[in-house]
């Protein structure tokens, strides 16, 4: 990752923390204009959501015992 990529990443993280509404609008516009950049992210997020769901199910089972 280049220094420019790191700088942009830090700016985006700061924006997400400081102004979540503007961050959301910016990301929606970026996804509209460049959907190919988000294809892998969507599949990764789906895998993470499925894993988290399994963890939640397991935790509920443990709590019920």
Protein backbone atom coordinates (compact mmCIF):
# COMPACT_ATOMS: atom_id res chain seq x y z
CA UNK A 1 0.00 0.00 0.00
CA UNK A 2 1.45 3.33 -0.99
CA UNK A 3 1.70 6.35 1.27
CA UNK A 4 -1.07 7.99 -0.76
CA UNK A 5 -3.36 5.00 -0.16
CA UNK A 6 -2.59 5.13 3.55
CA UNK A 7 -3.28 8.87 3.67
CA UNK A 8 -6.58 8.50 1.84
CA UNK A 9 -7.53 5.63 4.14
CA UNK A 10 -6.79 7.73 7.22
CA UNK A 11 -8.81 10.64 5.84
CA UNK A 12 -11.77 8.33 5.16
CA UNK A 13 -11.58 6.82 8.65
CA UNK A 14 -11.48 10.29 10.19
CA UNK A 15 -14.43 11.39 8.04
CA UNK A 16 -16.38 8.28 9.02
CA UNK A 17 -15.79 9.05 12.69
CA UNK A 18 -16.28 12.83 12.54
CA UNK A 19 -19.04 13.14 9.93
CA UNK A 20 -20.76 9.80 9.30
CA UNK A 21 -23.47 11.35 7.10
CA UNK A 22 -20.95 12.85 4.67
CA UNK A 23 -18.97 9.60 4.70
CA UNK A 24 -22.08 7.62 3.81
CA UNK A 25 -22.92 9.99 0.94
CA UNK A 26 -19.34 9.86 -0.34
CA UNK A 27 -19.27 6.06 -0.26
CA UNK A 28 -22.65 5.79 -1.99
CA UNK A 29 -21.44 8.10 -4.77
CA UNK A 30 -18.19 6.15 -5.09
CA UNK A 31 -20.12 2.89 -5.34
CA UNK A 32 -22.43 4.34 -8.02
CA UNK A 33 -19.52 5.59 -10.10
CA UNK A 34 -17.19 2.60 -9.57
CA UNK A 35 -19.20 -0.48 -8.57
CA UNK A 36 -16.33 -2.78 -9.55
CA UNK A 37 -14.31 -1.45 -6.61
CA UNK A 38 -16.93 -2.75 -4.20
CA UNK A 39 -17.62 -6.21 -5.63
CA UNK A 40 -15.01 -8.01 -3.53
CA UNK A 41 -15.94 -6.00 -0.46
CA UNK A 42 -19.58 -7.06 -0.75
CA UNK A 43 -18.67 -10.75 -0.94
CA UNK A 44 -16.24 -10.40 1.97
CA UNK A 45 -18.89 -8.60 4.02
CA UNK A 46 -21.38 -11.38 3.28
CA UNK A 47 -18.90 -13.99 4.51
CA UNK A 48 -18.25 -11.95 7.66
CA UNK A 49 -22.00 -11.56 8.28
CA UNK A 50 -22.51 -15.31 7.90
CA UNK A 51 -19.66 -16.03 10.31
CA UNK A 52 -21.01 -13.51 12.84
CA UNK A 53 -24.43 -15.11 12.58
CA UNK A 54 -22.93 -18.52 13.40
CA UNK A 55 -21.08 -17.02 16.37
CA UNK A 56 -24.30 -15.40 17.61
CA UNK A 57 -26.15 -18.72 17.29
CA UNK A 58 -23.40 -20.48 19.23
CA UNK A 59 -23.42 -17.81 21.94
CA UNK A 60 -27.21 -18.12 22.31
CA UNK A 61 -26.89 -21.89 22.71
CA UNK A 62 -24.22 -21.44 25.38
CA UNK A 63 -26.35 -18.85 27.20
CA UNK A 64 -29.38 -21.16 27.14
CA UNK A 65 -27.46 -24.00 28.79
